[in-house]
Amino acid sequence: MGEQTGPDRIEDLLPVLTPEAKATYTQALLAGWIPAADGASDGRALLCRLGLLAADPADNSRLVPVDPQIAAATVRRRLNRHTVRLEEYGSALVRELAVLSSFYEQVQTARPEPPVEDLVGLEVINEALEEAVGECEEEALTAQPGNRGKEALGRALARAESVLGRGVRMRTLYQHPARFSEATKEYVSEATSLGAEIRTLDEIPNRLMIFDRRIAFLAASKDSRNAVLVRHPALVSFLVDSFERDWGRASMYDTGYQRQKSDEQLNMVQESIMRLLVEGASDDVIARRMNLNVRTCRSHIAKILKAYGAQSRVQAAYLMGRSESPVSTG
């Protein structure tokens, strides 16, 4: 681009007429001239720069006023010159930036993707998910703790239709309480009719999605607004192994069970709660891990205590630890 520096500052191109300068010009205009004093602080230098004062041809020691219209024409010519310079400078800079942009794209394309990447915000996460779903060719594994709303299930069904329609095998894990969600039952019914395989488990530690055993998404916050994208082969393999272990001990999601079978389904939840009671978990911890509200959790615990004939959680945990069978957990 040569040795050209940037254009002058706007303050240099268009100096401000100070009140002192205006007063000095008025004085010169009324008197017809003023002395050309060096170092004067009343704006004489500024007036000369703007062409409002000029040396008297007959006496160099005096300054005479100039018609402001002539000064304005001089300012316009100066601005036009600098406008041309600014356009030339800007065009040259844009060309150099375009060259750098091309180089940037080449480097980014050649650089390997990071093995682990933080995704912040639902928009960013969903965009990355849609890309992964679109590229999935063989297998999609998902683990979904808790119940999802209709909107989220609608997006999930659209993704399921996309991958299953391409012959991709899709397996999904939910927690046992998801069996009682009507919205989830509807989703499962439609997804399984398309070929999806869905099971439930007592606990799922985190939301997880794995595509082609190549890329994985792991929730990084409770509200799912932060996620981690994993590409590292060893880490993805670890997550796949974890999913497979959970899948092996999970139960098939039966969308056709009737209300009279609810005791059987509740027992499945209560068995998980019983295990957590033996571990000494508090009501809040059990509710969180089972994705139940605390009131529902305590209702289950009360039924378990009654079934074991226990007067306290400690006694119930002791009886459970001895593997004594309850009378009933219905």
Protein backbone atom coordinates (compact mmCIF):
# COMPACT_ATOMS: atom_id res chain seq x y z
CA MET A 1 0.00 0.00 0.00
CA GLY A 2 3.09 2.26 -0.06
CA GLU A 3 4.24 4.71 2.56
CA GLN A 4 0.98 6.64 2.74
CA THR A 5 -0.15 7.14 6.33
CA GLY A 6 -3.80 7.71 7.13
CA PRO A 7 -5.84 10.81 6.38
CA ASP A 8 -5.56 13.83 8.66
CA ARG A 9 -7.68 13.96 11.77
CA ILE A 10 -11.08 15.59 11.29
CA GLU A 11 -10.06 18.26 13.80
CA ASP A 12 -7.12 19.13 11.53
CA LEU A 13 -9.34 19.33 8.47
CA LEU A 14 -12.09 21.32 10.15
CA PRO A 15 -10.73 23.40 13.04
CA VAL A 16 -13.32 24.87 15.37
CA LEU A 17 -13.89 28.61 15.36
CA THR A 18 -13.43 29.63 18.97
CA PRO A 19 -15.22 32.61 20.52
CA GLU A 20 -11.81 34.39 20.74
CA ALA A 21 -11.20 33.83 17.03
CA LYS A 22 -14.63 35.15 16.12
CA ALA A 23 -14.06 38.25 18.28
CA THR A 24 -10.65 38.86 16.66
CA TYR A 25 -12.16 38.57 13.18
CA THR A 26 -14.92 41.01 14.12
CA GLN A 27 -12.28 43.44 15.42
CA ALA A 28 -10.27 43.17 12.16
CA LEU A 29 -13.39 43.60 10.07
CA LEU A 30 -14.47 46.73 11.92
CA ALA A 31 -10.98 48.29 12.01
CA GLY A 32 -9.99 47.11 8.55
CA TRP A 33 -6.85 45.42 9.87
CA ILE A 34 -5.09 44.14 13.01
CA PRO A 35 -1.39 43.77 13.84
CA ALA A 36 0.24 40.48 12.80
CA ALA A 37 1.48 39.81 16.34
CA ASP A 38 3.48 36.59 16.80
CA GLY A 39 2.33 34.19 19.54
CA ALA A 40 -1.04 35.92 19.98
CA SER A 41 -3.56 33.72 21.79
CA ASP A 42 -6.67 35.40 20.39
CA GLY A 43 -7.13 33.02 17.44
CA ARG A 44 -5.13 34.92 14.76
CA ALA A 45 -3.23 31.75 13.72
CA LEU A 46 -6.51 29.86 13.41
CA LEU A 47 -8.05 32.64 11.33
CA CYS A 48 -5.04 32.58 9.02
CA ARG A 49 -5.34 28.78 8.64
CA LEU A 50 -8.95 29.17 7.64
CA GLY A 51 -8.12 31.99 5.23
CA LEU A 52 -10.19 34.56 7.14
CA LEU A 53 -7.12 36.73 7.70
CA ALA A 54 -4.33 37.42 5.22
CA ALA A 55 -1.15 39.50 5.21
CA ASP A 56 -1.69 43.05 3.99
CA PRO A 57 0.11 43.34 0.61
CA ALA A 58 1.03 46.94 1.46
CA ASP A 59 2.28 46.24 4.99
CA ASN A 60 3.45 42.80 6.15
CA SER A 61 3.06 43.82 9.79
CA ARG A 62 -0.70 43.92 9.41
CA LEU A 63 -3.43 41.35 8.79
CA VAL A 64 -6.57 42.20 6.84
CA PRO A 65 -9.93 40.38 6.88
CA VAL A 66 -10.95 38.15 3.95
CA ASP A 67 -14.47 37.45 2.67
CA PRO A 68 -15.74 34.27 4.49
CA GLN A 69 -17.15 33.01 1.17
CA ILE A 70 -13.61 32.83 -0.21
CA ALA A 71 -12.49 31.02 2.96
CA ALA A 72 -15.41 28.59 2.63
CA ALA A 73 -14.42 27.76 -0.95
CA THR A 74 -10.88 27.03 0.26
CA VAL A 75 -12.25 24.71 2.99
CA ARG A 76 -14.39 22.87 0.42
CA ARG A 77 -11.40 22.31 -1.88
CA ARG A 78 -9.37 21.01 1.06
CA LEU A 79 -12.19 18.63 2.02
CA ASN A 80 -12.52 17.34 -1.53
CA ARG A 81 -8.81 16.56 -1.68
CA HIS A 82 -8.94 14.68 1.58
CA THR A 83 -12.12 12.82 0.55
CA VAL A 84 -10.30 11.47 -2.49
CA ARG A 85 -7.33 10.50 -0.31
CA LEU A 86 -9.67 8.81 2.20
CA GLU A 87 -11.40 6.76 -0.52
CA GLU A 88 -8.06 5.66 -1.97
CA TYR A 89 -6.76 4.75 1.47
CA GLY A 90 -9.94 2.86 2.36
CA SER A 91 -10.00 0.92 -0.92
CA ALA A 92 -6.36 -0.10 -0.51
CA LEU A 93 -7.02 -1.22 3.10
CA VAL A 94 -10.06 -3.27 2.06
CA ARG A 95 -8.00 -5.03 -0.62
CA GLU A 96 -5.30 -5.95 1.89
CA LEU A 97 -7.91 -7.19 4.38
CA ALA A 98 -9.42 -9.37 1.64
CA VAL A 99 -6.02 -10.99 1.07
CA LEU A 100 -5.68 -11.63 4.81
CA SER A 101 -9.23 -13.02 4.95
CA SER A 102 -8.39 -15.54 2.23
CA PHE A 103 -5.29 -16.60 4.14
CA TYR A 104 -7.33 -16.87 7.37
CA GLU A 105 -9.83 -19.21 5.69
CA GLN A 106 -7.02 -21.41 4.35
CA VAL A 107 -5.44 -21.73 7.80
CA GLN A 108 -8.77 -22.40 9.54
CA THR A 109 -9.69 -25.07 7.00
CA ALA A 110 -6.35 -26.83 7.40
CA ARG A 111 -6.35 -26.60 11.22
CA PRO A 112 -7.86 -29.65 13.02
CA GLU A 113 -11.02 -29.08 15.03
CA PRO A 114 -10.49 -28.79 18.82
CA PRO A 115 -10.97 -32.10 20.71
CA VAL A 116 -13.20 -30.38 23.28
CA GLU A 117 -15.21 -27.22 22.67
CA ASP A 118 -17.47 -25.17 24.94
CA LEU A 119 -20.87 -24.27 23.48
CA VAL A 120 -22.63 -21.36 25.19
CA GLY A 121 -26.25 -20.48 24.49
CA LEU A 122 -29.18 -22.49 23.10
CA GLU A 123 -28.79 -21.02 19.62
CA VAL A 124 -25.14 -22.09 19.39
CA ILE A 125 -25.91 -25.55 20.83
CA ASN A 126 -28.87 -26.18 18.54
CA GLU A 127 -26.89 -25.06 15.49
CA ALA A 128 -24.08 -27.52 16.32
CA LEU A 129 -26.63 -30.27 17.02
CA GLU A 130 -28.41 -29.74 13.70
CA GLU A 131 -25.07 -30.01 11.91
CA ALA A 132 -24.21 -33.25 13.75
CA VAL A 133 -27.66 -34.71 13.06
CA GLY A 134 -27.32 -33.83 9.38
CA GLU A 135 -23.95 -35.59 9.15
CA CYS A 136 -24.95 -38.68 11.18
CA GLU A 137 -24.82 -41.83 9.00
CA GLU A 138 -24.84 -44.90 11.26
CA GLU A 139 -25.84 -44.44 14.91
CA ALA A 140 -27.32 -41.88 17.28
CA LEU A 141 -27.21 -42.46 21.06
CA THR A 142 -28.98 -40.13 23.49
CA ALA A 143 -29.53 -40.05 27.24
CA GLN A 144 -32.20 -37.66 28.49
CA PRO A 145 -32.60 -37.19 32.27
CA GLY A 146 -35.93 -35.80 33.37
CA ASN A 147 -39.03 -35.02 31.35
CA ARG A 148 -38.91 -32.72 28.36
CA GLY A 149 -41.65 -30.32 27.33
CA LYS A 150 -43.69 -30.62 24.14
CA GLU A 151 -41.57 -28.06 22.31
CA ALA A 152 -38.33 -29.91 23.08
CA LEU A 153 -39.95 -33.24 22.21
CA GLY A 154 -41.16 -31.77 18.92
CA ARG A 155 -37.58 -30.81 18.01
CA ALA A 156 -36.40 -34.26 19.12
CA LEU A 157 -39.01 -35.97 16.92
CA ALA A 158 -37.93 -33.91 13.92
CA ARG A 159 -34.34 -35.00 14.49
CA ALA A 160 -35.46 -38.61 14.95
CA GLU A 161 -37.36 -38.55 11.67
CA SER A 162 -34.30 -37.11 9.96
CA VAL A 163 -31.82 -39.74 11.16
CA LEU A 164 -34.16 -42.74 11.11
CA GLY A 165 -35.26 -41.85 7.60
CA ARG A 166 -31.64 -42.30 6.51
CA GLY A 167 -31.40 -45.76 8.07
CA VAL A 168 -29.50 -44.57 11.16
CA ARG A 169 -29.93 -46.69 14.30
CA MET A 170 -31.21 -44.55 17.16
CA ARG A 171 -31.24 -45.52 20.85
CA THR A 172 -32.49 -43.29 23.66
CA LEU A 173 -32.43 -43.59 27.46
CA TYR A 174 -34.94 -41.88 29.77
CA GLN A 175 -35.42 -42.10 33.51
CA HIS A 176 -38.23 -44.27 34.89
CA PRO A 177 -40.54 -41.33 35.80
CA ALA A 178 -40.69 -40.47 32.07
CA ARG A 179 -43.08 -43.44 31.76
CA PHE A 180 -45.78 -41.31 33.35
CA SER A 181 -45.38 -38.30 31.05
CA GLU A 182 -48.14 -38.25 28.43
CA ALA A 183 -46.08 -36.00 26.16
CA THR A 184 -43.12 -38.38 26.40
CA LYS A 185 -45.39 -41.38 25.76
CA GLU A 186 -46.65 -39.75 22.57
CA TYR A 187 -43.11 -39.01 21.45
CA VAL A 188 -41.94 -42.55 22.22
CA SER A 189 -44.91 -44.04 20.36
CA GLU A 190 -44.11 -42.05 17.21
CA ALA A 191 -40.34 -42.46 17.45
CA THR A 192 -40.49 -46.22 18.01
CA SER A 193 -42.90 -46.59 15.09
CA LEU A 194 -40.13 -45.07 12.97
CA GLY A 195 -37.59 -47.56 14.31
CA ALA A 196 -36.14 -45.87 17.41
CA GLU A 197 -35.24 -47.98 20.44
CA ILE A 198 -36.10 -46.43 23.81
CA ARG A 199 -35.49 -47.68 27.36
CA THR A 200 -35.68 -46.23 30.86
CA LEU A 201 -33.26 -46.32 33.76
CA ASP A 202 -33.39 -45.31 37.41
CA GLU A 203 -30.67 -42.65 37.09
CA ILE A 204 -29.04 -40.81 34.22
CA PRO A 205 -26.17 -38.59 35.37
CA ASN A 206 -26.24 -36.10 32.53
CA ARG A 207 -27.79 -35.24 29.19
CA LEU A 208 -25.73 -36.91 26.48
CA MET A 209 -25.86 -37.24 22.69
CA ILE A 210 -23.40 -39.24 20.60
CA PHE A 211 -23.35 -39.42 16.81
CA ASP A 212 -21.54 -42.15 14.86
CA ARG A 213 -19.29 -42.73 17.90
CA ARG A 214 -17.33 -39.79 16.55
CA ILE A 215 -18.78 -36.70 18.21
CA ALA A 216 -20.60 -36.21 21.52
CA PHE A 217 -22.57 -33.45 23.23
CA LEU A 218 -22.59 -33.31 27.02
CA ALA A 219 -24.73 -30.87 29.02
CA ALA A 220 -22.60 -28.48 31.08
CA SER A 221 -25.34 -26.75 33.09
CA LYS A 222 -28.67 -27.70 34.65
CA ASP A 223 -30.65 -25.44 32.30
CA SER A 224 -28.89 -26.98 29.25
CA ARG A 225 -27.78 -23.53 28.06
CA ASN A 226 -24.16 -24.64 28.18
CA ALA A 227 -22.75 -27.77 26.60
CA VAL A 228 -19.46 -29.42 25.78
CA LEU A 229 -18.79 -30.74 22.31
CA VAL A 230 -16.38 -33.69 22.44
CA ARG A 231 -14.41 -34.91 19.42
CA HIS A 232 -11.49 -36.61 21.19
CA PRO A 233 -11.69 -40.32 20.22
CA ALA A 234 -10.74 -41.60 23.69
CA LEU A 235 -13.30 -39.39 25.45
CA VAL A 236 -16.04 -40.26 22.97
CA SER A 237 -15.22 -43.96 23.40
CA PHE A 238 -15.51 -43.56 27.19
CA LEU A 239 -18.93 -41.92 26.82
CA VAL A 240 -20.08 -44.67 24.44
CA ASP A 241 -19.00 -47.36 26.94
CA SER A 242 -20.86 -45.55 29.71
CA PHE A 243 -24.00 -45.39 27.56
CA GLU A 244 -23.74 -49.08 26.66
CA ARG A 245 -23.49 -50.08 30.34
CA ASP A 246 -26.59 -48.04 31.17
CA TRP A 247 -28.40 -49.44 28.13
CA GLY A 248 -27.66 -52.98 29.22
CA ARG A 249 -29.37 -52.54 32.61
CA ALA A 250 -32.24 -50.38 31.34
CA SER A 251 -35.86 -51.52 30.80
CA MET A 252 -37.82 -51.21 27.59
CA TYR A 253 -40.23 -48.27 27.52
CA ASP A 254 -43.74 -49.75 27.26
CA THR A 255 -46.14 -47.17 25.83
CA GLY A 256 -49.08 -49.57 26.05
CA TYR A 257 -49.33 -50.01 29.81
CA GLN A 258 -52.67 -49.19 31.38
CA ARG A 259 -53.43 -47.40 34.64
CA GLN A 260 -54.07 -50.71 36.41
CA LYS A 261 -50.43 -51.56 35.79
CA SER A 262 -49.22 -48.40 37.49
CA ASP A 263 -48.24 -50.25 40.69
CA GLU A 264 -45.72 -52.26 38.70
CA GLN A 265 -44.32 -49.06 37.19
CA LEU A 266 -44.21 -47.33 40.57
CA ASN A 267 -42.27 -50.23 42.03
CA MET A 268 -39.57 -49.60 39.46
CA VAL A 269 -39.22 -46.02 40.75
CA GLN A 270 -39.41 -47.12 44.37
CA GLU A 271 -36.70 -49.72 43.90
CA SER A 272 -34.38 -46.93 42.79
CA ILE A 273 -35.40 -44.80 45.75
CA MET A 274 -34.79 -47.75 48.08
CA ARG A 275 -31.25 -48.10 46.78
CA LEU A 276 -30.59 -44.41 47.39
CA LEU A 277 -32.04 -44.70 50.89
CA VAL A 278 -29.56 -47.48 51.65
CA GLU A 279 -26.80 -45.16 50.44
CA GLY A 280 -28.00 -42.57 52.96
CA ALA A 281 -29.14 -39.97 50.41
CA SER A 282 -31.38 -37.15 51.65
CA ASP A 283 -34.87 -36.46 50.28
CA ASP A 284 -33.57 -33.53 48.22
CA VAL A 285 -30.75 -35.60 46.73
CA ILE A 286 -33.07 -38.50 45.90
CA ALA A 287 -35.62 -36.17 44.32
CA ARG A 288 -32.95 -34.49 42.21
CA ARG A 289 -31.35 -37.73 41.06
CA MET A 290 -34.72 -39.32 40.29
CA ASN A 291 -36.05 -36.14 38.68
CA LEU A 292 -39.02 -36.01 41.06
CA ASN A 293 -40.34 -33.15 43.11
CA VAL A 294 -39.60 -33.50 46.82
CA ARG A 295 -43.26 -34.01 47.74
CA THR A 296 -43.64 -36.96 45.34
CA CYS A 297 -40.35 -38.38 46.52
CA ARG A 298 -41.45 -38.27 50.16
CA SER A 299 -44.72 -39.97 49.23
CA HIS A 300 -42.76 -42.86 47.73
CA ILE A 301 -40.51 -43.02 50.80
CA ALA A 302 -43.58 -43.18 53.07
CA LYS A 303 -44.91 -46.16 51.08
CA ILE A 304 -41.53 -47.87 51.31
CA LEU A 305 -41.34 -47.37 55.09
CA LYS A 306 -44.86 -48.79 55.42
CA ALA A 307 -44.02 -51.76 53.23
CA TYR A 308 -41.01 -52.63 55.37
CA GLY A 309 -42.84 -51.92 58.64
CA ALA A 310 -40.09 -49.45 59.47
CA GLN A 311 -40.53 -46.51 61.83
CA SER A 312 -37.69 -44.46 60.37
CA ARG A 313 -35.52 -44.09 57.31
CA VAL A 314 -32.58 -45.54 59.25
CA GLN A 315 -34.54 -48.66 60.17
CA ALA A 316 -35.81 -49.02 56.60
CA ALA A 317 -32.28 -48.68 55.23
CA TYR A 318 -31.11 -51.34 57.71
CA LEU A 319 -33.85 -53.75 56.64
CA MET A 320 -33.17 -53.07 52.99
CA GLY A 321 -29.46 -53.62 53.55
CA ARG A 322 -30.28 -57.05 55.03
CA SER A 323 -32.28 -57.70 51.83
CA GLU A 324 -35.47 -58.34 53.75
CA SER A 325 -38.39 -58.33 51.36
CA PRO A 326 -41.15 -55.80 51.94
CA VAL A 327 -44.75 -56.81 52.32
CA SER A 328 -45.77 -54.64 49.38
CA THR A 329 -44.62 -51.41 47.76
CA GLY A 330 -47.91 -50.70 46.01
